[in-house]
């Protein structure tokens, strides 16, 4: 069993939102089209095409940054640290009097970024474990996720 307390901040939310947005088909397609428009527009096409390409490339990260800041400031769940408990049953997240448990069998997938370990509890929601804030418990969290989830659902890099 692994227990830890983590306060999720805007940077942690931004990392999750970027990973979630750019790992989908629309994020990849939007980036490719934006980059193509920028290159064509600034090399041999109308300059306005290049400017539109840059806008497409900058728009999503900028809006995700603003959304993560707003969510971190206004969502009461992020005002205080969350207590996480990983055991054989699943992940339990508690704060104050509220507690929520997700069974390992219900987890959708586990992925990693350079900043976080992200365990998806549904298609659009996840439990975020920022690497810096886990400290020396990072390895134990990764081992717990890998030991309790189906291997095909786990894509975690160290």
N, C-alpha and C. Protein backbone atom coordinates (compact mmCIF):
# COMPACT_ATOMS: atom_id res chain seq x y z
N UNK A 1 0.85 -1.18 0.00
CA UNK A 1 0.00 0.00 0.00
C UNK A 1 0.89 1.25 0.00
N UNK A 2 0.48 2.23 -0.80
CA UNK A 2 1.21 3.49 -0.89
C UNK A 2 0.25 4.61 -0.52
N UNK A 3 0.67 5.50 0.35
CA UNK A 3 -0.14 6.66 0.73
C UNK A 3 0.68 7.92 0.54
N UNK A 4 0.05 8.95 -0.02
CA UNK A 4 0.72 10.22 -0.20
C UNK A 4 -0.29 11.37 -0.27
N UNK A 5 0.17 12.55 0.06
CA UNK A 5 -0.64 13.76 0.00
C UNK A 5 -0.05 14.67 -1.07
N UNK A 6 -0.90 15.11 -1.99
CA UNK A 6 -0.43 15.94 -3.09
C UNK A 6 -1.40 17.10 -3.32
N UNK A 7 -0.86 18.29 -3.45
CA UNK A 7 -1.66 19.44 -3.82
C UNK A 7 -1.48 19.66 -5.32
N UNK A 8 -2.56 19.51 -6.05
CA UNK A 8 -2.53 19.69 -7.50
C UNK A 8 -2.60 21.19 -7.80
N UNK A 9 -1.67 21.65 -8.64
CA UNK A 9 -1.69 23.07 -9.00
C UNK A 9 -1.93 23.25 -10.50
N UNK A 10 -1.92 24.49 -10.96
CA UNK A 10 -2.22 24.80 -12.36
C UNK A 10 -1.24 24.11 -13.31
N UNK A 11 0.03 24.04 -12.93
CA UNK A 11 1.02 23.38 -13.78
C UNK A 11 0.74 21.89 -13.97
N UNK A 12 0.29 21.24 -12.91
CA UNK A 12 -0.05 19.81 -12.99
C UNK A 12 -1.27 19.61 -13.90
N UNK A 13 -2.26 20.47 -13.75
CA UNK A 13 -3.45 20.39 -14.60
C UNK A 13 -3.11 20.68 -16.06
N UNK A 14 -2.23 21.65 -16.29
CA UNK A 14 -1.83 22.01 -17.65
C UNK A 14 -1.12 20.84 -18.32
N UNK A 15 -0.23 20.18 -17.60
CA UNK A 15 0.48 19.02 -18.13
C UNK A 15 -0.52 17.93 -18.55
N UNK A 16 -1.50 17.66 -17.69
CA UNK A 16 -2.54 16.66 -18.00
C UNK A 16 -3.35 17.09 -19.22
N UNK A 17 -3.78 18.35 -19.25
CA UNK A 17 -4.62 18.83 -20.36
C UNK A 17 -3.87 18.79 -21.69
N UNK A 18 -2.60 19.17 -21.68
CA UNK A 18 -1.80 19.10 -22.91
C UNK A 18 -1.68 17.66 -23.41
N UNK A 19 -1.34 16.76 -22.50
CA UNK A 19 -1.20 15.36 -22.89
C UNK A 19 -2.51 14.82 -23.43
N UNK A 20 -3.60 15.14 -22.76
CA UNK A 20 -4.91 14.65 -23.17
C UNK A 20 -5.30 15.21 -24.53
N UNK A 21 -5.06 16.50 -24.75
CA UNK A 21 -5.45 17.15 -26.00
C UNK A 21 -4.61 16.67 -27.19
N UNK A 22 -3.31 16.57 -26.99
CA UNK A 22 -2.43 16.25 -28.11
C UNK A 22 -2.26 14.77 -28.36
N UNK A 23 -2.80 13.91 -27.54
CA UNK A 23 -2.77 12.48 -27.82
C UNK A 23 -4.01 12.01 -28.57
N UNK A 24 -4.95 12.92 -28.80
CA UNK A 24 -6.15 12.59 -29.56
C UNK A 24 -5.96 12.95 -31.02
N UNK A 25 -6.82 12.41 -31.87
CA UNK A 25 -6.73 12.65 -33.31
C UNK A 25 -6.88 14.13 -33.64
N UNK A 26 -7.78 14.83 -32.98
CA UNK A 26 -8.00 16.24 -33.29
C UNK A 26 -6.79 17.09 -32.93
N UNK A 27 -6.13 16.79 -31.83
CA UNK A 27 -4.93 17.54 -31.44
C UNK A 27 -3.79 17.33 -32.42
N UNK A 28 -3.58 16.10 -32.83
CA UNK A 28 -2.51 15.79 -33.77
C UNK A 28 -2.81 16.41 -35.13
N UNK A 29 -4.05 16.27 -35.60
CA UNK A 29 -4.45 16.83 -36.89
C UNK A 29 -4.35 18.36 -36.88
N UNK A 30 -4.83 18.98 -35.82
CA UNK A 30 -4.75 20.44 -35.72
C UNK A 30 -3.33 20.94 -35.73
N UNK A 31 -2.44 20.25 -35.04
CA UNK A 31 -1.02 20.65 -35.01
C UNK A 31 -0.38 20.49 -36.39
N UNK A 32 -0.67 19.39 -37.04
CA UNK A 32 -0.10 19.16 -38.38
C UNK A 32 -0.60 20.19 -39.38
N UNK A 33 -1.90 20.45 -39.37
CA UNK A 33 -2.45 21.45 -40.30
C UNK A 33 -1.94 22.85 -39.98
N UNK A 34 -1.83 23.19 -38.71
CA UNK A 34 -1.30 24.50 -38.33
C UNK A 34 0.15 24.66 -38.77
N UNK A 35 0.96 23.63 -38.55
CA UNK A 35 2.37 23.69 -38.96
C UNK A 35 2.49 23.77 -40.47
N UNK A 36 1.70 22.99 -41.19
CA UNK A 36 1.72 23.02 -42.65
C UNK A 36 1.32 24.39 -43.17
N UNK A 37 0.26 24.95 -42.62
CA UNK A 37 -0.18 26.28 -43.05
C UNK A 37 0.88 27.33 -42.77
N UNK A 38 1.53 27.24 -41.62
CA UNK A 38 2.57 28.22 -41.27
C UNK A 38 3.76 28.11 -42.23
N UNK A 39 4.20 26.91 -42.51
CA UNK A 39 5.35 26.71 -43.39
C UNK A 39 5.02 27.19 -44.81
N UNK A 40 3.89 26.74 -45.33
CA UNK A 40 3.50 27.14 -46.69
C UNK A 40 3.27 28.65 -46.76
N UNK A 41 2.60 29.19 -45.79
CA UNK A 41 2.29 30.62 -45.79
C UNK A 41 3.52 31.49 -45.72
N UNK A 42 4.52 31.08 -44.97
CA UNK A 42 5.71 31.92 -44.82
C UNK A 42 6.79 31.63 -45.87
N UNK A 43 6.66 30.54 -46.62
CA UNK A 43 7.68 30.24 -47.62
C UNK A 43 7.24 30.61 -49.04
N UNK A 44 6.01 30.23 -49.45
CA UNK A 44 5.62 30.53 -50.82
C UNK A 44 4.16 30.89 -51.01
N UNK A 45 3.41 30.85 -49.96
CA UNK A 45 1.98 31.17 -50.08
C UNK A 45 1.69 32.56 -49.54
N UNK A 46 0.42 32.88 -49.42
CA UNK A 46 0.07 34.17 -48.83
C UNK A 46 0.46 34.21 -47.34
N UNK A 47 1.00 35.31 -46.91
CA UNK A 47 1.47 35.46 -45.53
C UNK A 47 0.33 35.25 -44.54
N UNK A 48 -0.88 35.61 -44.93
CA UNK A 48 -2.04 35.42 -44.03
C UNK A 48 -2.21 33.95 -43.68
N UNK A 49 -1.88 33.05 -44.60
CA UNK A 49 -1.95 31.61 -44.32
C UNK A 49 -0.95 31.23 -43.23
N UNK A 50 0.25 31.81 -43.31
CA UNK A 50 1.25 31.56 -42.28
C UNK A 50 0.81 32.07 -40.92
N UNK A 51 0.19 33.25 -40.91
CA UNK A 51 -0.30 33.83 -39.65
C UNK A 51 -1.42 32.96 -39.08
N UNK A 52 -2.33 32.50 -39.94
CA UNK A 52 -3.41 31.61 -39.47
C UNK A 52 -2.84 30.30 -38.93
N UNK A 53 -1.81 29.79 -39.57
CA UNK A 53 -1.15 28.58 -39.10
C UNK A 53 -0.57 28.76 -37.71
N UNK A 54 0.09 29.90 -37.48
CA UNK A 54 0.64 30.19 -36.15
C UNK A 54 -0.46 30.33 -35.11
N UNK A 55 -1.55 30.96 -35.49
CA UNK A 55 -2.68 31.10 -34.56
C UNK A 55 -3.21 29.72 -34.17
N UNK A 56 -3.35 28.83 -35.14
CA UNK A 56 -3.83 27.48 -34.85
C UNK A 56 -2.86 26.77 -33.91
N UNK A 57 -1.56 26.93 -34.12
CA UNK A 57 -0.56 26.27 -33.26
C UNK A 57 -0.54 26.82 -31.84
N UNK A 58 -0.81 28.11 -31.67
CA UNK A 58 -0.71 28.75 -30.37
C UNK A 58 -2.03 28.71 -29.60
N UNK A 59 -3.14 28.66 -30.30
CA UNK A 59 -4.45 28.78 -29.67
C UNK A 59 -4.71 27.70 -28.61
N UNK A 60 -4.55 26.43 -28.96
CA UNK A 60 -4.88 25.35 -28.02
C UNK A 60 -4.01 25.37 -26.76
N UNK A 61 -2.69 25.46 -26.88
CA UNK A 61 -1.90 25.51 -25.64
C UNK A 61 -2.25 26.73 -24.77
N UNK A 62 -2.50 27.86 -25.39
CA UNK A 62 -2.83 29.06 -24.64
C UNK A 62 -4.15 28.90 -23.90
N UNK A 63 -5.18 28.39 -24.59
CA UNK A 63 -6.48 28.22 -23.93
C UNK A 63 -6.40 27.16 -22.83
N UNK A 64 -5.61 26.11 -23.04
CA UNK A 64 -5.44 25.10 -22.00
C UNK A 64 -4.72 25.68 -20.78
N UNK A 65 -3.75 26.55 -21.03
CA UNK A 65 -3.05 27.21 -19.93
C UNK A 65 -4.03 28.05 -19.11
N UNK A 66 -4.85 28.85 -19.79
CA UNK A 66 -5.82 29.68 -19.08
C UNK A 66 -6.84 28.83 -18.32
N UNK A 67 -7.30 27.75 -18.97
CA UNK A 67 -8.29 26.87 -18.34
C UNK A 67 -7.71 26.19 -17.10
N UNK A 68 -6.45 25.76 -17.18
CA UNK A 68 -5.83 25.09 -16.03
C UNK A 68 -5.65 26.06 -14.86
N UNK A 69 -5.26 27.29 -15.17
CA UNK A 69 -5.14 28.31 -14.10
C UNK A 69 -6.48 28.58 -13.45
N UNK A 70 -7.51 28.75 -14.28
CA UNK A 70 -8.85 29.04 -13.74
C UNK A 70 -9.35 27.88 -12.89
N UNK A 71 -9.17 26.67 -13.38
CA UNK A 71 -9.64 25.50 -12.65
C UNK A 71 -8.90 25.34 -11.32
N UNK A 72 -7.60 25.58 -11.32
CA UNK A 72 -6.82 25.46 -10.09
C UNK A 72 -7.25 26.51 -9.06
N UNK A 73 -7.63 27.68 -9.54
CA UNK A 73 -8.03 28.75 -8.62
C UNK A 73 -9.46 28.64 -8.13
N UNK A 74 -10.36 28.11 -8.97
CA UNK A 74 -11.78 28.13 -8.62
C UNK A 74 -12.35 26.80 -8.13
N UNK A 75 -11.69 25.69 -8.44
CA UNK A 75 -12.21 24.39 -8.02
C UNK A 75 -11.77 24.11 -6.58
N UNK A 76 -12.72 23.96 -5.66
CA UNK A 76 -12.36 23.73 -4.25
C UNK A 76 -11.53 22.46 -4.02
N UNK A 77 -11.64 21.49 -4.91
CA UNK A 77 -10.88 20.24 -4.75
C UNK A 77 -9.38 20.48 -4.85
N UNK A 78 -8.98 21.56 -5.52
CA UNK A 78 -7.56 21.84 -5.68
C UNK A 78 -7.04 22.86 -4.68
N UNK A 79 -7.87 23.30 -3.77
CA UNK A 79 -7.46 24.29 -2.78
C UNK A 79 -6.58 23.68 -1.69
N UNK A 80 -6.82 22.42 -1.37
CA UNK A 80 -6.06 21.73 -0.33
C UNK A 80 -5.47 20.44 -0.91
N UNK A 81 -4.47 19.89 -0.25
CA UNK A 81 -3.88 18.63 -0.74
C UNK A 81 -4.90 17.50 -0.74
N UNK A 82 -4.75 16.62 -1.72
CA UNK A 82 -5.56 15.40 -1.81
C UNK A 82 -4.76 14.26 -1.20
N UNK A 83 -5.43 13.37 -0.49
CA UNK A 83 -4.77 12.21 0.09
C UNK A 83 -5.06 11.01 -0.82
N UNK A 84 -4.00 10.38 -1.30
CA UNK A 84 -4.12 9.23 -2.19
C UNK A 84 -3.68 7.97 -1.45
N UNK A 85 -4.44 6.90 -1.64
CA UNK A 85 -4.07 5.59 -1.11
C UNK A 85 -4.19 4.59 -2.25
N UNK A 86 -3.10 3.95 -2.59
CA UNK A 86 -3.09 2.92 -3.62
C UNK A 86 -2.90 1.59 -2.92
N UNK A 87 -3.86 0.69 -3.09
CA UNK A 87 -3.76 -0.64 -2.49
C UNK A 87 -4.21 -1.69 -3.51
N UNK A 88 -4.43 -2.92 -3.06
CA UNK A 88 -4.81 -4.01 -3.97
C UNK A 88 -6.19 -3.78 -4.60
N UNK A 89 -7.03 -3.00 -3.94
CA UNK A 89 -8.39 -2.74 -4.44
C UNK A 89 -8.40 -1.70 -5.57
N UNK A 90 -7.62 -0.61 -5.37
CA UNK A 90 -7.62 0.46 -6.34
C UNK A 90 -7.01 1.72 -5.76
N UNK A 91 -7.48 2.85 -6.26
CA UNK A 91 -6.98 4.15 -5.79
C UNK A 91 -8.11 4.84 -5.03
N UNK A 92 -7.81 5.25 -3.82
CA UNK A 92 -8.76 6.01 -3.01
C UNK A 92 -8.22 7.42 -2.87
N UNK A 93 -9.08 8.38 -3.22
CA UNK A 93 -8.72 9.79 -3.11
C UNK A 93 -9.64 10.41 -2.07
N UNK A 94 -9.04 11.06 -1.07
CA UNK A 94 -9.86 11.68 -0.03
C UNK A 94 -9.36 13.09 0.25
N UNK A 95 -10.31 13.89 0.73
CA UNK A 95 -10.02 15.26 1.14
C UNK A 95 -11.11 15.66 2.12
N UNK A 96 -10.71 15.99 3.32
CA UNK A 96 -11.70 16.32 4.34
C UNK A 96 -12.60 15.12 4.61
N UNK A 97 -13.91 15.33 4.52
CA UNK A 97 -14.87 14.26 4.79
C UNK A 97 -15.23 13.43 3.56
N UNK A 98 -14.85 13.88 2.38
CA UNK A 98 -15.22 13.14 1.16
C UNK A 98 -14.12 12.16 0.77
N UNK A 99 -14.57 11.03 0.26
CA UNK A 99 -13.66 9.97 -0.16
C UNK A 99 -14.25 9.28 -1.38
N UNK A 100 -13.40 8.98 -2.35
CA UNK A 100 -13.85 8.30 -3.56
C UNK A 100 -12.85 7.22 -3.90
N UNK A 101 -13.38 6.02 -4.21
CA UNK A 101 -12.50 4.92 -4.56
C UNK A 101 -12.80 4.42 -5.96
N UNK A 102 -11.75 4.16 -6.71
CA UNK A 102 -11.85 3.58 -8.05
C UNK A 102 -11.14 2.24 -8.01
N UNK A 103 -11.81 1.18 -8.44
CA UNK A 103 -11.18 -0.13 -8.50
C UNK A 103 -10.24 -0.21 -9.69
N UNK A 104 -9.18 -0.99 -9.55
CA UNK A 104 -8.22 -1.14 -10.64
C UNK A 104 -8.90 -1.64 -11.91
N UNK A 105 -9.85 -2.53 -11.76
CA UNK A 105 -10.52 -3.09 -12.94
C UNK A 105 -11.32 -2.04 -13.71
N UNK A 106 -11.69 -0.95 -13.05
CA UNK A 106 -12.45 0.12 -13.71
C UNK A 106 -11.56 1.17 -14.38
N UNK A 107 -10.26 1.12 -14.13
CA UNK A 107 -9.34 2.10 -14.71
C UNK A 107 -9.23 1.89 -16.21
N UNK A 108 -9.21 2.99 -16.96
CA UNK A 108 -9.16 2.92 -18.41
C UNK A 108 -7.73 2.70 -18.91
N UNK A 109 -6.79 3.51 -18.44
CA UNK A 109 -5.39 3.36 -18.83
C UNK A 109 -4.52 4.18 -17.89
N UNK A 110 -3.23 3.91 -17.95
CA UNK A 110 -2.23 4.68 -17.19
C UNK A 110 -1.14 5.09 -18.16
N UNK A 111 -0.83 6.39 -18.17
CA UNK A 111 0.19 6.92 -19.06
C UNK A 111 1.13 7.82 -18.26
N UNK A 112 2.19 8.25 -18.91
CA UNK A 112 3.11 9.16 -18.23
C UNK A 112 3.54 10.28 -19.15
N UNK A 113 3.90 11.38 -18.53
CA UNK A 113 4.56 12.48 -19.21
C UNK A 113 5.87 12.69 -18.47
N UNK A 114 6.65 13.64 -18.89
CA UNK A 114 7.90 13.90 -18.17
C UNK A 114 7.62 14.45 -16.78
N UNK A 115 6.42 15.01 -16.57
CA UNK A 115 6.07 15.62 -15.28
C UNK A 115 5.15 14.79 -14.41
N UNK A 116 4.38 13.86 -15.00
CA UNK A 116 3.31 13.19 -14.23
C UNK A 116 3.09 11.74 -14.63
N UNK A 117 2.50 11.02 -13.69
CA UNK A 117 1.90 9.71 -13.96
C UNK A 117 0.39 9.99 -13.95
N UNK A 118 -0.30 9.59 -15.00
CA UNK A 118 -1.73 9.90 -15.13
C UNK A 118 -2.49 8.59 -15.26
N UNK A 119 -3.42 8.36 -14.33
CA UNK A 119 -4.25 7.16 -14.36
C UNK A 119 -5.67 7.58 -14.70
N UNK A 120 -6.12 7.19 -15.89
CA UNK A 120 -7.46 7.57 -16.34
C UNK A 120 -8.50 6.72 -15.64
N UNK A 121 -9.44 7.39 -14.99
CA UNK A 121 -10.53 6.71 -14.31
C UNK A 121 -11.76 6.63 -15.21
N UNK A 122 -11.77 7.42 -16.28
CA UNK A 122 -12.78 7.34 -17.34
C UNK A 122 -12.10 7.92 -18.58
N UNK A 123 -12.85 8.01 -19.67
CA UNK A 123 -12.24 8.52 -20.91
C UNK A 123 -11.74 9.96 -20.77
N UNK A 124 -12.42 10.76 -19.97
CA UNK A 124 -12.09 12.18 -19.86
C UNK A 124 -11.68 12.65 -18.48
N UNK A 125 -11.52 11.76 -17.52
CA UNK A 125 -11.08 12.18 -16.19
C UNK A 125 -9.97 11.25 -15.71
N UNK A 126 -9.13 11.81 -14.85
CA UNK A 126 -7.96 11.05 -14.44
C UNK A 126 -7.49 11.46 -13.06
N UNK A 127 -6.68 10.61 -12.49
CA UNK A 127 -5.97 10.91 -11.26
C UNK A 127 -4.55 11.26 -11.66
N UNK A 128 -4.09 12.43 -11.23
CA UNK A 128 -2.78 12.95 -11.63
C UNK A 128 -1.80 12.79 -10.46
N UNK A 129 -0.66 12.19 -10.75
CA UNK A 129 0.41 12.04 -9.76
C UNK A 129 1.63 12.80 -10.28
N UNK A 130 1.82 14.06 -9.89
CA UNK A 130 3.00 14.81 -10.33
C UNK A 130 4.29 14.20 -9.76
N UNK A 131 5.24 13.94 -10.63
CA UNK A 131 6.48 13.27 -10.22
C UNK A 131 7.22 14.03 -9.12
N UNK A 132 7.36 15.35 -9.26
CA UNK A 132 8.10 16.13 -8.26
C UNK A 132 7.45 16.05 -6.88
N UNK A 133 6.12 16.01 -6.86
CA UNK A 133 5.42 16.02 -5.58
C UNK A 133 5.33 14.64 -4.95
N UNK A 134 5.57 13.59 -5.74
CA UNK A 134 5.59 12.24 -5.16
C UNK A 134 6.92 11.97 -4.48
N UNK A 135 7.96 12.64 -4.92
CA UNK A 135 9.27 12.46 -4.32
C UNK A 135 9.75 11.03 -4.39
N UNK A 136 10.14 10.48 -3.24
CA UNK A 136 10.69 9.13 -3.20
C UNK A 136 9.62 8.04 -3.34
N UNK A 137 8.37 8.43 -3.42
CA UNK A 137 7.29 7.44 -3.57
C UNK A 137 6.93 7.19 -5.04
N UNK A 138 7.62 7.87 -5.95
CA UNK A 138 7.34 7.73 -7.39
C UNK A 138 7.44 6.27 -7.83
N UNK A 139 8.53 5.63 -7.48
CA UNK A 139 8.73 4.23 -7.89
C UNK A 139 7.65 3.33 -7.31
N UNK A 140 7.28 3.53 -6.06
CA UNK A 140 6.24 2.71 -5.43
C UNK A 140 4.89 2.91 -6.12
N UNK A 141 4.58 4.14 -6.52
CA UNK A 141 3.31 4.41 -7.22
C UNK A 141 3.32 3.70 -8.57
N UNK A 142 4.42 3.83 -9.32
CA UNK A 142 4.51 3.17 -10.63
C UNK A 142 4.40 1.66 -10.47
N UNK A 143 5.07 1.10 -9.49
CA UNK A 143 5.01 -0.34 -9.27
C UNK A 143 3.59 -0.78 -8.92
N UNK A 144 2.89 -0.01 -8.11
CA UNK A 144 1.53 -0.34 -7.73
C UNK A 144 0.60 -0.31 -8.93
N UNK A 145 0.73 0.71 -9.76
CA UNK A 145 -0.10 0.81 -10.97
C UNK A 145 0.19 -0.37 -11.90
N UNK A 146 1.46 -0.63 -12.14
CA UNK A 146 1.84 -1.72 -13.05
C UNK A 146 1.43 -3.10 -12.52
N UNK A 147 1.49 -3.29 -11.21
CA UNK A 147 1.15 -4.59 -10.62
C UNK A 147 -0.36 -4.84 -10.61
N UNK A 148 -1.16 -3.78 -10.57
CA UNK A 148 -2.60 -3.97 -10.39
C UNK A 148 -3.45 -3.72 -11.63
N UNK A 149 -2.89 -3.11 -12.65
CA UNK A 149 -3.64 -2.88 -13.88
C UNK A 149 -3.20 -3.88 -14.95
N UNK A 150 -4.09 -4.13 -15.90
CA UNK A 150 -3.73 -5.01 -17.01
C UNK A 150 -2.57 -4.39 -17.78
N UNK A 151 -1.57 -5.19 -18.14
CA UNK A 151 -0.39 -4.65 -18.82
C UNK A 151 -0.73 -3.86 -20.10
N UNK A 152 -1.75 -4.27 -20.84
CA UNK A 152 -2.08 -3.56 -22.08
C UNK A 152 -2.64 -2.16 -21.83
N UNK A 153 -3.05 -1.87 -20.60
CA UNK A 153 -3.58 -0.56 -20.26
C UNK A 153 -2.51 0.40 -19.72
N UNK A 154 -1.30 -0.10 -19.51
CA UNK A 154 -0.25 0.70 -18.88
C UNK A 154 0.81 1.11 -19.90
N UNK A 155 1.01 2.42 -20.03
CA UNK A 155 2.06 2.97 -20.90
C UNK A 155 2.82 4.03 -20.09
N UNK A 156 3.62 3.56 -19.17
CA UNK A 156 4.38 4.45 -18.29
C UNK A 156 5.86 4.30 -18.60
N UNK A 157 6.50 5.45 -18.85
CA UNK A 157 7.95 5.50 -19.06
C UNK A 157 8.58 6.12 -17.82
N UNK A 158 9.75 5.66 -17.47
CA UNK A 158 10.46 6.27 -16.33
C UNK A 158 11.19 7.44 -16.77
